[in-house]
Amino acid sequence: MTFQDNHINYIELKAKDLQKVKAFYSNVFNWSFTDYGPKYTAFSDSGLEGGFEQSDDDIINGALVVLYHHELETIKAKLIAHGGEISKDIFHFPGGKRFHFIDPSGNELAIWCHT
């Protein structure tokens, strides 16, 4: 798979019950799933890669749009310089690292790269 800087690459959704949400999307839309521990499952065969994170919190806006950029520090500095705010600093996860930010309208998005 080829990744391009500044493109939407992934969408992450929240779920109260991962088994229930997996059954729903696989039965209704024929999506496939890969589990990454007890609290995360990635989906494919949906037109855009994504995943569900298990959450006990109230789900108000459960979608997290994730962009790709091969130089996290560079794009992080650029978005701060243009009024973005970091809501979750760079952290590692299986397959890469990412951070979350708030845009000037209050939307939270994330940017990731390979490790």
PDB file of N, CA and C in Angstrom:
ATOM      1  N   MET A   1       0.837  -1.181   0.000  1.00  0.00           N
ATOM      2  CA  MET A   1       0.000   0.000   0.000  1.00  0.00           C
ATOM      3  C   MET A   1       0.877   1.238   0.000  1.00  0.00           C
ATOM      4  N   THR A   2       0.539   2.194  -0.827  1.00  0.00           N
ATOM      5  CA  THR A   2       1.274   3.449  -0.909  1.00  0.00           C
ATOM      6  C   THR A   2       0.556   4.504  -0.073  1.00  0.00           C
ATOM      7  N   PHE A   3       1.311   5.217   0.734  1.00  0.00           N
ATOM      8  CA  PHE A   3       0.752   6.278   1.558  1.00  0.00           C
ATOM      9  C   PHE A   3       1.205   7.614   1.008  1.00  0.00           C
ATOM     10  N   GLN A   4       0.313   8.588   1.002  1.00  0.00           N
ATOM     11  CA  GLN A   4       0.646   9.924   0.517  1.00  0.00           C
ATOM     12  C   GLN A   4       0.465  10.929   1.637  1.00  0.00           C
ATOM     13  N   ASP A   5       1.479  11.802   1.782  1.00  0.00           N
ATOM     14  CA  ASP A   5       1.397  12.852   2.788  1.00  0.00           C
ATOM     15  C   ASP A   5       0.145  13.691   2.582  1.00  0.00           C
ATOM     16  N   ASN A   6      -0.459  14.100   3.677  1.00  0.00           N
ATOM     17  CA  ASN A   6      -1.569  15.046   3.715  1.00  0.00           C
ATOM     18  C   ASN A   6      -2.887  14.482   3.199  1.00  0.00           C
ATOM     19  N   HIS A   7      -2.966  13.176   2.928  1.00  0.00           N
ATOM     20  CA  HIS A   7      -4.213  12.560   2.489  1.00  0.00           C
ATOM     21  C   HIS A   7      -4.904  11.873   3.654  1.00  0.00           C
ATOM     22  N   ILE A   8      -6.236  11.875   3.630  1.00  0.00           N
ATOM     23  CA  ILE A   8      -6.970  11.091   4.619  1.00  0.00           C
ATOM     24  C   ILE A   8      -6.654   9.634   4.329  1.00  0.00           C
ATOM     25  N   ASN A   9      -6.229   8.936   5.367  1.00  0.00           N
ATOM     26  CA  ASN A   9      -5.731   7.584   5.195  1.00  0.00           C
ATOM     27  C   ASN A   9      -6.532   6.564   5.980  1.00  0.00           C
ATOM     28  N   TYR A  10      -7.248   6.989   7.003  1.00  0.00           N
ATOM     29  CA  TYR A  10      -7.822   6.048   7.962  1.00  0.00           C
ATOM     30  C   TYR A  10      -8.933   6.772   8.702  1.00  0.00           C
ATOM     31  N   ILE A  11      -9.924   6.038   9.145  1.00  0.00           N
ATOM     32  CA  ILE A  11     -10.952   6.611  10.005  1.00  0.00           C
ATOM     33  C   ILE A  11     -11.125   5.694  11.206  1.00  0.00           C
ATOM     34  N   GLU A  12     -11.176   6.292  12.373  1.00  0.00           N
ATOM     35  CA  GLU A  12     -11.281   5.522  13.597  1.00  0.00           C
ATOM     36  C   GLU A  12     -12.607   5.865  14.272  1.00  0.00           C
ATOM     37  N   LEU A  13     -13.329   4.844  14.668  1.00  0.00           N
ATOM     38  CA  LEU A  13     -14.632   4.996  15.296  1.00  0.00           C
ATOM     39  C   LEU A  13     -14.595   4.413  16.702  1.00  0.00           C
ATOM     40  N   LYS A  14     -15.507   4.840  17.545  1.00  0.00           N
ATOM     41  CA  LYS A  14     -15.643   4.315  18.903  1.00  0.00           C
ATOM     42  C   LYS A  14     -16.725   3.242  18.916  1.00  0.00           C
ATOM     43  N   ALA A  15     -16.629   2.320  19.854  1.00  0.00           N
ATOM     44  CA  ALA A  15     -17.641   1.282  20.017  1.00  0.00           C
ATOM     45  C   ALA A  15     -17.703   0.869  21.483  1.00  0.00           C
ATOM     46  N   LYS A  16     -18.898   0.655  21.974  1.00  0.00           N
ATOM     47  CA  LYS A  16     -19.070   0.161  23.341  1.00  0.00           C
ATOM     48  C   LYS A  16     -18.747  -1.330  23.412  1.00  0.00           C
ATOM     49  N   ASP A  17     -19.129  -2.077  22.370  1.00  0.00           N
ATOM     50  CA  ASP A  17     -18.982  -3.533  22.342  1.00  0.00           C
ATOM     51  C   ASP A  17     -18.359  -3.931  21.001  1.00  0.00           C
ATOM     52  N   LEU A  18     -17.077  -4.285  21.012  1.00  0.00           N
ATOM     53  CA  LEU A  18     -16.388  -4.603  19.762  1.00  0.00           C
ATOM     54  C   LEU A  18     -16.974  -5.828  19.071  1.00  0.00           C
ATOM     55  N   GLN A  19     -17.349  -6.848  19.812  1.00  0.00           N
ATOM     56  CA  GLN A  19     -17.894  -8.056  19.186  1.00  0.00           C
ATOM     57  C   GLN A  19     -19.216  -7.751  18.476  1.00  0.00           C
ATOM     58  N   LYS A  20     -20.034  -6.946  19.105  1.00  0.00           N
ATOM     59  CA  LYS A  20     -21.324  -6.588  18.519  1.00  0.00           C
ATOM     60  C   LYS A  20     -21.144  -5.736  17.260  1.00  0.00           C
ATOM     61  N   VAL A  21     -20.236  -4.760  17.308  1.00  0.00           N
ATOM     62  CA  VAL A  21     -20.026  -3.889  16.152  1.00  0.00           C
ATOM     63  C   VAL A  21     -19.376  -4.670  15.010  1.00  0.00           C
ATOM     64  N   LYS A  22     -18.470  -5.593  15.320  1.00  0.00           N
ATOM     65  CA  LYS A  22     -17.867  -6.430  14.279  1.00  0.00           C
ATOM     66  C   LYS A  22     -18.924  -7.303  13.608  1.00  0.00           C
ATOM     67  N   ALA A  23     -19.788  -7.903  14.393  1.00  0.00           N
ATOM     68  CA  ALA A  23     -20.852  -8.750  13.823  1.00  0.00           C
ATOM     69  C   ALA A  23     -21.770  -7.922  12.928  1.00  0.00           C
ATOM     70  N   PHE A  24     -22.121  -6.719  13.380  1.00  0.00           N
ATOM     71  CA  PHE A  24     -22.999  -5.857  12.598  1.00  0.00           C
ATOM     72  C   PHE A  24     -22.382  -5.530  11.243  1.00  0.00           C
ATOM     73  N   TYR A  25     -21.155  -4.985  11.233  1.00  0.00           N
ATOM     74  CA  TYR A  25     -20.544  -4.538   9.974  1.00  0.00           C
ATOM     75  C   TYR A  25     -20.137  -5.702   9.070  1.00  0.00           C
ATOM     76  N   SER A  26     -19.785  -6.836   9.649  1.00  0.00           N
ATOM     77  CA  SER A  26     -19.446  -7.971   8.782  1.00  0.00           C
ATOM     78  C   SER A  26     -20.709  -8.580   8.178  1.00  0.00           C
ATOM     79  N   ASN A  27     -21.782  -8.675   8.941  1.00  0.00           N
ATOM     80  CA  ASN A  27     -23.029  -9.246   8.424  1.00  0.00           C
ATOM     81  C   ASN A  27     -23.746  -8.326   7.445  1.00  0.00           C
ATOM     82  N   VAL A  28     -23.747  -7.030   7.703  1.00  0.00           N
ATOM     83  CA  VAL A  28     -24.472  -6.090   6.851  1.00  0.00           C
ATOM     84  C   VAL A  28     -23.654  -5.684   5.628  1.00  0.00           C
ATOM     85  N   PHE A  29     -22.362  -5.383   5.817  1.00  0.00           N
ATOM     86  CA  PHE A  29     -21.547  -4.815   4.742  1.00  0.00           C
ATOM     87  C   PHE A  29     -20.394  -5.705   4.279  1.00  0.00           C
ATOM     88  N   ASN A  30     -20.241  -6.891   4.872  1.00  0.00           N
ATOM     89  CA  ASN A  30     -19.166  -7.822   4.519  1.00  0.00           C
ATOM     90  C   ASN A  30     -17.763  -7.284   4.795  1.00  0.00           C
ATOM     91  N   TRP A  31     -17.620  -6.434   5.809  1.00  0.00           N
ATOM     92  CA  TRP A  31     -16.305  -5.949   6.189  1.00  0.00           C
ATOM     93  C   TRP A  31     -15.523  -7.060   6.869  1.00  0.00           C
ATOM     94  N   SER A  32     -14.199  -7.006   6.774  1.00  0.00           N
ATOM     95  CA  SER A  32     -13.309  -7.941   7.456  1.00  0.00           C
ATOM     96  C   SER A  32     -12.641  -7.215   8.622  1.00  0.00           C
ATOM     97  N   PHE A  33     -12.238  -7.985   9.644  1.00  0.00           N
ATOM     98  CA  PHE A  33     -11.665  -7.383  10.849  1.00  0.00           C
ATOM     99  C   PHE A  33     -10.377  -8.073  11.257  1.00  0.00           C
ATOM    100  N   THR A  34      -9.454  -7.290  11.822  1.00  0.00           N
ATOM    101  CA  THR A  34      -8.223  -7.788  12.428  1.00  0.00           C
ATOM    102  C   THR A  34      -8.128  -7.179  13.816  1.00  0.00           C
ATOM    103  N   ASP A  35      -8.079  -8.022  14.833  1.00  0.00           N
ATOM    104  CA  ASP A  35      -8.000  -7.539  16.212  1.00  0.00           C
ATOM    105  C   ASP A  35      -6.560  -7.195  16.582  1.00  0.00           C
ATOM    106  N   TYR A  36      -6.407  -6.085  17.300  1.00  0.00           N
ATOM    107  CA  TYR A  36      -5.125  -5.650  17.853  1.00  0.00           C
ATOM    108  C   TYR A  36      -5.317  -5.467  19.344  1.00  0.00           C
ATOM    109  N   GLY A  37      -5.337  -6.550  20.071  1.00  0.00           N
ATOM    110  CA  GLY A  37      -5.580  -6.506  21.500  1.00  0.00           C
ATOM    111  C   GLY A  37      -7.065  -6.505  21.805  1.00  0.00           C
ATOM    112  N   PRO A  38      -7.409  -6.445  23.077  1.00  0.00           N
ATOM    113  CA  PRO A  38      -8.816  -6.552  23.485  1.00  0.00           C
ATOM    114  C   PRO A  38      -9.648  -5.293  23.257  1.00  0.00           C
ATOM    115  N   LYS A  39      -9.004  -4.160  22.968  1.00  0.00           N
ATOM    116  CA  LYS A  39      -9.752  -2.898  22.864  1.00  0.00           C
ATOM    117  C   LYS A  39      -9.681  -2.250  21.495  1.00  0.00           C
ATOM    118  N   TYR A  40      -9.172  -2.983  20.475  1.00  0.00           N
ATOM    119  CA  TYR A  40      -9.081  -2.369  19.156  1.00  0.00           C
ATOM    120  C   TYR A  40      -9.221  -3.421  18.068  1.00  0.00           C
ATOM    121  N   THR A  41      -9.998  -3.066  17.043  1.00  0.00           N
ATOM    122  CA  THR A  41     -10.105  -3.909  15.862  1.00  0.00           C
ATOM    123  C   THR A  41     -10.075  -3.026  14.620  1.00  0.00           C
ATOM    124  N   ALA A  42      -9.289  -3.435  13.639  1.00  0.00           N
ATOM    125  CA  ALA A  42      -9.196  -2.698  12.377  1.00  0.00           C
ATOM    126  C   ALA A  42     -10.153  -3.335  11.377  1.00  0.00           C
ATOM    127  N   PHE A  43     -10.719  -2.505  10.481  1.00  0.00           N
ATOM    128  CA  PHE A  43     -11.586  -3.059   9.452  1.00  0.00           C
ATOM    129  C   PHE A  43     -11.016  -2.801   8.072  1.00  0.00           C
ATOM    130  N   SER A  44     -11.395  -3.678   7.141  1.00  0.00           N
ATOM    131  CA  SER A  44     -11.012  -3.529   5.741  1.00  0.00           C
ATOM    132  C   SER A  44     -12.199  -3.957   4.884  1.00  0.00           C
ATOM    133  N   ASP A  45     -12.035  -3.877   3.577  1.00  0.00           N
ATOM    134  CA  ASP A  45     -13.112  -4.174   2.623  1.00  0.00           C
ATOM    135  C   ASP A  45     -14.258  -3.170   2.732  1.00  0.00           C
ATOM    136  N   SER A  46     -13.926  -1.942   3.140  1.00  0.00           N
ATOM    137  CA  SER A  46     -14.948  -0.914   3.350  1.00  0.00           C
ATOM    138  C   SER A  46     -14.788   0.280   2.411  1.00  0.00           C
ATOM    139  N   GLY A  47     -13.756   0.275   1.581  1.00  0.00           N
ATOM    140  CA  GLY A  47     -13.469   1.412   0.714  1.00  0.00           C
ATOM    141  C   GLY A  47     -12.444   2.358   1.306  1.00  0.00           C
ATOM    142  N   LEU A  48     -12.292   2.361   2.625  1.00  0.00           N
ATOM    143  CA  LEU A  48     -11.294   3.160   3.338  1.00  0.00           C
ATOM    144  C   LEU A  48     -10.912   2.375   4.579  1.00  0.00           C
ATOM    145  N   GLU A  49      -9.638   2.231   4.823  1.00  0.00           N
ATOM    146  CA  GLU A  49      -9.182   1.503   6.003  1.00  0.00           C
ATOM    147  C   GLU A  49      -9.627   2.243   7.272  1.00  0.00           C
ATOM    148  N   GLY A  50      -9.866   1.493   8.335  1.00  0.00           N
ATOM    149  CA  GLY A  50     -10.272   2.113   9.582  1.00  0.00           C
ATOM    150  C   GLY A  50     -10.275   1.126  10.721  1.00  0.00           C
ATOM    151  N   GLY A  51     -10.795   1.563  11.853  1.00  0.00           N
ATOM    152  CA  GLY A  51     -10.855   0.694  13.011  1.00  0.00           C
ATOM    153  C   GLY A  51     -11.857   1.185  14.039  1.00  0.00           C
ATOM    154  N   PHE A  52     -12.140   0.318  14.987  1.00  0.00           N
ATOM    155  CA  PHE A  52     -13.004   0.637  16.119  1.00  0.00           C
ATOM    156  C   PHE A  52     -12.196   0.503  17.395  1.00  0.00           C
ATOM    157  N   GLU A  53     -12.277   1.531  18.243  1.00  0.00           N
ATOM    158  CA  GLU A  53     -11.648   1.505  19.554  1.00  0.00           C
ATOM    159  C   GLU A  53     -12.740   1.315  20.593  1.00  0.00           C
ATOM    160  N   GLN A  54     -12.569   0.348  21.480  1.00  0.00           N
ATOM    161  CA  GLN A  54     -13.546   0.125  22.540  1.00  0.00           C
ATOM    162  C   GLN A  54     -13.486   1.289  23.511  1.00  0.00           C
ATOM    163  N   SER A  55     -14.653   1.821  23.873  1.00  0.00           N
ATOM    164  CA  SER A  55     -14.727   2.959  24.780  1.00  0.00           C
ATOM    165  C   SER A  55     -15.939   2.829  25.683  1.00  0.00           C
ATOM    166  N   ASP A  56     -15.749   3.095  26.961  1.00  0.00           N
ATOM    167  CA  ASP A  56     -16.865   3.113  27.900  1.00  0.00           C
ATOM    168  C   ASP A  56     -17.472   4.510  28.023  1.00  0.00           C
ATOM    169  N   ASP A  57     -16.826   5.505  27.403  1.00  0.00           N
ATOM    170  CA  ASP A  57     -17.322   6.874  27.442  1.00  0.00           C
ATOM    171  C   ASP A  57     -18.564   7.017  26.567  1.00  0.00           C
ATOM    172  N   ASP A  58     -19.364   8.059  26.829  1.00  0.00           N
ATOM    173  CA  ASP A  58     -20.471   8.375  25.942  1.00  0.00           C
ATOM    174  C   ASP A  58     -19.909   8.702  24.565  1.00  0.00           C
ATOM    175  N   ILE A  59     -20.548   8.181  23.537  1.00  0.00           N
ATOM    176  CA  ILE A  59     -20.079   8.422  22.177  1.00  0.00           C
ATOM    177  C   ILE A  59     -20.963   9.498  21.560  1.00  0.00           C
ATOM    178  N   ILE A  60     -20.390  10.697  21.398  1.00  0.00           N
ATOM    179  CA  ILE A  60     -21.123  11.823  20.830  1.00  0.00           C
ATOM    180  C   ILE A  60     -20.761  11.955  19.357  1.00  0.00           C
ATOM    181  N   ASN A  61     -19.494  12.067  19.074  1.00  0.00           N
ATOM    182  CA  ASN A  61     -18.995  12.091  17.702  1.00  0.00           C
ATOM    183  C   ASN A  61     -17.876  11.065  17.667  1.00  0.00           C
ATOM    184  N   GLY A  62     -18.213   9.843  17.284  1.00  0.00           N
ATOM    185  CA  GLY A  62     -17.290   8.737  17.412  1.00  0.00           C
ATOM    186  C   GLY A  62     -16.266   8.600  16.308  1.00  0.00           C
ATOM    187  N   ALA A  63     -16.234   9.504  15.328  1.00  0.00           N
ATOM    188  CA  ALA A  63     -15.314   9.350  14.200  1.00  0.00           C
ATOM    189  C   ALA A  63     -14.053  10.186  14.399  1.00  0.00           C
ATOM    190  N   LEU A  64     -12.907   9.575  14.162  1.00  0.00           N
ATOM    191  CA  LEU A  64     -11.631  10.278  14.163  1.00  0.00           C
ATOM    192  C   LEU A  64     -11.019  10.110  12.783  1.00  0.00           C
ATOM    193  N   VAL A  65     -10.892  11.194  12.039  1.00  0.00           N
ATOM    194  CA  VAL A  65     -10.262  11.164  10.723  1.00  0.00           C
ATOM    195  C   VAL A  65      -8.755  11.194  10.929  1.00  0.00           C
ATOM    196  N   VAL A  66      -8.056  10.287  10.258  1.00  0.00           N
ATOM    197  CA  VAL A  66      -6.616  10.152  10.426  1.00  0.00           C
ATOM    198  C   VAL A  66      -5.928  10.403   9.083  1.00  0.00           C
ATOM    199  N   LEU A  67      -5.033  11.395   9.066  1.00  0.00           N
ATOM    200  CA  LEU A  67      -4.245  11.699   7.883  1.00  0.00           C
ATOM    201  C   LEU A  67      -2.886  11.028   8.008  1.00  0.00           C
ATOM    202  N   TYR A  68      -2.171  10.952   6.901  1.00  0.00           N
ATOM    203  CA  TYR A  68      -0.821  10.381   6.900  1.00  0.00           C
ATOM    204  C   TYR A  68       0.190  11.476   6.580  1.00  0.00           C
ATOM    205  N   HIS A  69       1.344  11.422   7.249  1.00  0.00           N
ATOM    206  CA  HIS A  69       2.478  12.273   6.881  1.00  0.00           C
ATOM    207  C   HIS A  69       3.739  11.577   7.357  1.00  0.00           C
ATOM    208  N   HIS A  70       4.736  11.469   6.480  1.00  0.00           N
ATOM    209  CA  HIS A  70       5.939  10.702   6.811  1.00  0.00           C
ATOM    210  C   HIS A  70       6.857  11.408   7.805  1.00  0.00           C
ATOM    211  N   GLU A  71       6.657  12.691   8.057  1.00  0.00           N
ATOM    212  CA  GLU A  71       7.481  13.435   9.011  1.00  0.00           C
ATOM    213  C   GLU A  71       6.578  14.089  10.056  1.00  0.00           C
ATOM    214  N   LEU A  72       6.281  13.353  11.119  1.00  0.00           N
ATOM    215  CA  LEU A  72       5.351  13.850  12.139  1.00  0.00           C
ATOM    216  C   LEU A  72       5.806  15.157  12.779  1.00  0.00           C
ATOM    217  N   GLU A  73       7.063  15.252  13.131  1.00  0.00           N
ATOM    218  CA  GLU A  73       7.554  16.469  13.796  1.00  0.00           C
ATOM    219  C   GLU A  73       7.398  17.693  12.892  1.00  0.00           C
ATOM    220  N   THR A  74       7.667  17.534  11.610  1.00  0.00           N
ATOM    221  CA  THR A  74       7.564  18.646  10.663  1.00  0.00           C
ATOM    222  C   THR A  74       6.121  19.112  10.520  1.00  0.00           C
ATOM    223  N   ILE A  75       5.207  18.180  10.315  1.00  0.00           N
ATOM    224  CA  ILE A  75       3.802  18.560  10.118  1.00  0.00           C
ATOM    225  C   ILE A  75       3.189  19.063  11.423  1.00  0.00           C
ATOM    226  N   LYS A  76       3.647  18.535  12.549  1.00  0.00           N
ATOM    227  CA  LYS A  76       3.179  19.014  13.857  1.00  0.00           C
ATOM    228  C   LYS A  76       3.556  20.484  14.042  1.00  0.00           C
ATOM    229  N   ALA A  77       4.798  20.836  13.762  1.00  0.00           N
ATOM    230  CA  ALA A  77       5.248  22.230  13.887  1.00  0.00           C
ATOM    231  C   ALA A  77       4.470  23.140  12.936  1.00  0.00           C
ATOM    232  N   LYS A  78       4.227  22.676  11.732  1.00  0.00           N
ATOM    233  CA  LYS A  78       3.500  23.478  10.745  1.00  0.00           C
ATOM    234  C   LYS A  78       2.062  23.740  11.191  1.00  0.00           C
ATOM    235  N   LEU A  79       1.383  22.711  11.700  1.00  0.00           N
ATOM    236  CA  LEU A  79      -0.012  22.946  12.098  1.00  0.00           C
ATOM    237  C   LEU A  79      -0.105  23.829  13.334  1.00  0.00           C
ATOM    238  N   ILE A  80       0.850  23.743  14.257  1.00  0.00           N
ATOM    239  CA  ILE A  80       0.879  24.641  15.414  1.00  0.00           C
ATOM    240  C   ILE A  80       1.099  26.082  14.947  1.00  0.00           C
ATOM    241  N   ALA A  81       2.010  26.273  13.996  1.00  0.00           N
ATOM    242  CA  ALA A  81       2.304  27.612  13.476  1.00  0.00           C
ATOM    243  C   ALA A  81       1.090  28.241  12.801  1.00  0.00           C
ATOM    244  N   HIS A  82       0.149  27.422  12.373  1.00  0.00           N
ATOM    245  CA  HIS A  82      -1.039  27.932  11.681  1.00  0.00           C
ATOM    246  C   HIS A  82      -2.307  27.847  12.532  1.00  0.00           C
ATOM    247  N   GLY A  83      -2.139  27.736  13.840  1.00  0.00           N
ATOM    248  CA  GLY A  83      -3.284  27.831  14.742  1.00  0.00           C
ATOM    249  C   GLY A  83      -3.861  26.522  15.234  1.00  0.00           C
ATOM    250  N   GLY A  84      -3.280  25.393  14.862  1.00  0.00           N
ATOM    251  CA  GLY A  84      -3.737  24.110  15.389  1.00  0.00           C
ATOM    252  C   GLY A  84      -3.223  23.891  16.798  1.00  0.00           C
ATOM    253  N   GLU A  85      -3.931  23.081  17.576  1.00  0.00           N
ATOM    254  CA  GLU A  85      -3.515  22.761  18.946  1.00  0.00           C
ATOM    255  C   GLU A  85      -3.351  21.256  19.075  1.00  0.00           C
ATOM    256  N   ILE A  86      -2.344  20.828  19.797  1.00  0.00           N
ATOM    257  CA  ILE A  86      -2.107  19.403  20.025  1.00  0.00           C
ATOM    258  C   ILE A  86      -3.017  18.942  21.159  1.00  0.00           C
ATOM    259  N   SER A  87      -3.843  17.931  20.894  1.00  0.00           N
ATOM    260  CA  SER A  87      -4.717  17.383  21.936  1.00  0.00           C
ATOM    261  C   SER A  87      -4.162  16.089  22.522  1.00  0.00           C
ATOM    262  N   LYS A  88      -3.324  15.380  21.771  1.00  0.00           N
ATOM    263  CA  LYS A  88      -2.637  14.180  22.270  1.00  0.00           C
ATOM    264  C   LYS A  88      -1.295  14.130  21.552  1.00  0.00           C
ATOM    265  N   ASP A  89      -0.216  14.269  22.318  1.00  0.00           N
ATOM    266  CA  ASP A  89       1.113  14.338  21.711  1.00  0.00           C
ATOM    267  C   ASP A  89       1.494  13.002  21.080  1.00  0.00           C
ATOM    268  N   ILE A  90       2.590  12.991  20.363  1.00  0.00           N
ATOM    269  CA  ILE A  90       3.039  11.810  19.617  1.00  0.00           C
ATOM    270  C   ILE A  90       3.155  10.599  20.547  1.00  0.00           C
ATOM    271  N   PHE A  91       2.548   9.492  20.105  1.00  0.00           N
ATOM    272  CA  PHE A  91       2.632   8.229  20.830  1.00  0.00           C
ATOM    273  C   PHE A  91       2.777   7.094  19.823  1.00  0.00           C
ATOM    274  N   HIS A  92       3.312   5.980  20.289  1.00  0.00           N
ATOM    275  CA  HIS A  92       3.526   4.806  19.449  1.00  0.00           C
ATOM    276  C   HIS A  92       2.353   3.840  19.587  1.00  0.00           C
ATOM    277  N   PHE A  93       2.086   3.098  18.533  1.00  0.00           N
ATOM    278  CA  PHE A  93       1.095   2.026  18.512  1.00  0.00           C
ATOM    279  C   PHE A  93       1.624   0.961  17.552  1.00  0.00           C
ATOM    280  N   PRO A  94       1.049  -0.247  17.546  1.00  0.00           N
ATOM    281  CA  PRO A  94       1.551  -1.274  16.630  1.00  0.00           C
ATOM    282  C   PRO A  94       1.506  -0.797  15.176  1.00  0.00           C
ATOM    283  N   GLY A  95       2.660  -0.677  14.551  1.00  0.00           N
ATOM    284  CA  GLY A  95       2.733  -0.284  13.157  1.00  0.00           C
ATOM    285  C   GLY A  95       3.087   1.166  12.901  1.00  0.00           C
ATOM    286  N   GLY A  96       3.154   1.979  13.947  1.00  0.00           N
ATOM    287  CA  GLY A  96       3.479   3.372  13.683  1.00  0.00           C
ATOM    288  C   GLY A  96       3.422   4.247  14.914  1.00  0.00           C
ATOM    289  N   LYS A  97       3.265   5.534  14.655  1.00  0.00           N
ATOM    290  CA  LYS A  97       3.097   6.515  15.726  1.00  0.00           C
ATOM    291  C   LYS A  97       2.207   7.627  15.191  1.00  0.00           C
ATOM    292  N   ARG A  98       1.584   8.374  16.098  1.00  0.00           N
ATOM    293  CA  ARG A  98       0.684   9.441  15.674  1.00  0.00           C
ATOM    294  C   ARG A  98       0.503  10.460  16.779  1.00  0.00           C
ATOM    295  N   PHE A  99      -0.165  11.562  16.413  1.00  0.00           N
ATOM    296  CA  PHE A  99      -0.616  12.543  17.388  1.00  0.00           C
ATOM    297  C   PHE A  99      -1.985  13.039  16.958  1.00  0.00           C
ATOM    298  N   HIS A 100      -2.703  13.644  17.895  1.00  0.00           N
ATOM    299  CA  HIS A 100      -4.026  14.212  17.623  1.00  0.00           C
ATOM    300  C   HIS A 100      -3.924  15.724  17.731  1.00  0.00           C
ATOM    301  N   PHE A 101      -4.761  16.421  16.961  1.00  0.00           N
ATOM    302  CA  PHE A 101      -4.767  17.871  17.020  1.00  0.00           C
ATOM    303  C   PHE A 101      -6.187  18.402  16.868  1.00  0.00           C
ATOM    304  N   ILE A 102      -6.360  19.649  17.290  1.00  0.00           N
ATOM    305  CA  ILE A 102      -7.630  20.358  17.170  1.00  0.00           C
ATOM    306  C   ILE A 102      -7.431  21.454  16.134  1.00  0.00           C
ATOM    307  N   ASP A 103      -8.315  21.489  15.128  1.00  0.00           N
ATOM    308  CA  ASP A 103      -8.216  22.544  14.114  1.00  0.00           C
ATOM    309  C   ASP A 103      -8.870  23.822  14.629  1.00  0.00           C
ATOM    310  N   PRO A 104      -8.765  24.941  13.919  1.00  0.00           N
ATOM    311  CA  PRO A 104      -9.318  26.201  14.407  1.00  0.00           C
ATOM    312  C   PRO A 104     -10.834  26.189  14.636  1.00  0.00           C
ATOM    313  N   SER A 105     -11.545  25.212  14.073  1.00  0.00           N
ATOM    314  CA  SER A 105     -12.994  25.112  14.292  1.00  0.00           C
ATOM    315  C   SER A 105     -13.361  24.185  15.434  1.00  0.00           C
ATOM    316  N   GLY A 106     -12.362  23.548  16.050  1.00  0.00           N
ATOM    317  CA  GLY A 106     -12.619  22.653  17.170  1.00  0.00           C
ATOM    318  C   GLY A 106     -12.728  21.185  16.801  1.00  0.00           C
ATOM    319  N   ASN A 107     -12.473  20.818  15.540  1.00  0.00           N
ATOM    320  CA  ASN A 107     -12.503  19.415  15.124  1.00  0.00           C
ATOM    321  C   ASN A 107     -11.212  18.722  15.535  1.00  0.00           C
ATOM    322  N   GLU A 108     -11.322  17.500  16.066  1.00  0.00           N
ATOM    323  CA  GLU A 108     -10.134  16.723  16.395  1.00  0.00           C
ATOM    324  C   GLU A 108      -9.850  15.746  15.258  1.00  0.00           C
ATOM    325  N   LEU A 109      -8.614  15.746  14.791  1.00  0.00           N
ATOM    326  CA  LEU A 109      -8.121  14.820  13.783  1.00  0.00           C
ATOM    327  C   LEU A 109      -6.806  14.249  14.291  1.00  0.00           C
ATOM    328  N   ALA A 110      -6.256  13.282  13.547  1.00  0.00           N
ATOM    329  CA  ALA A 110      -4.963  12.698  13.905  1.00  0.00           C
ATOM    330  C   ALA A 110      -4.094  12.611  12.653  1.00  0.00           C
ATOM    331  N   ILE A 111      -2.794  12.529  12.868  1.00  0.00           N
ATOM    332  CA  ILE A 111      -1.832  12.309  11.795  1.00  0.00           C
ATOM    333  C   ILE A 111      -0.902  11.195  12.236  1.00  0.00           C
ATOM    334  N   TRP A 112      -0.633  10.233  11.347  1.00  0.00           N
ATOM    335  CA  TRP A 112       0.215   9.105  11.695  1.00  0.00           C
ATOM    336  C   TRP A 112       1.311   8.904  10.669  1.00  0.00           C
ATOM    337  N   CYS A 113       2.303   8.100  11.055  1.00  0.00           N
ATOM    338  CA  CYS A 113       3.343   7.669  10.133  1.00  0.00           C
ATOM    339  C   CYS A 113       3.835   6.295  10.588  1.00  0.00           C
ATOM    340  N   HIS A 114       4.587   5.621   9.709  1.00  0.00           N
ATOM    341  CA  HIS A 114       5.240   4.363  10.054  1.00  0.00           C
ATOM    342  C   HIS A 114       6.346   4.626  11.053  1.00  0.00           C
ATOM    343  N   THR A 115       6.687   3.621  11.829  1.00  0.00           N
ATOM    344  CA  THR A 115       7.831   3.775  12.734  1.00  0.00           C
ATOM    345  C   THR A 115       9.090   3.319  12.054  1.00  0.00           C
TER     346      THR A 115
END
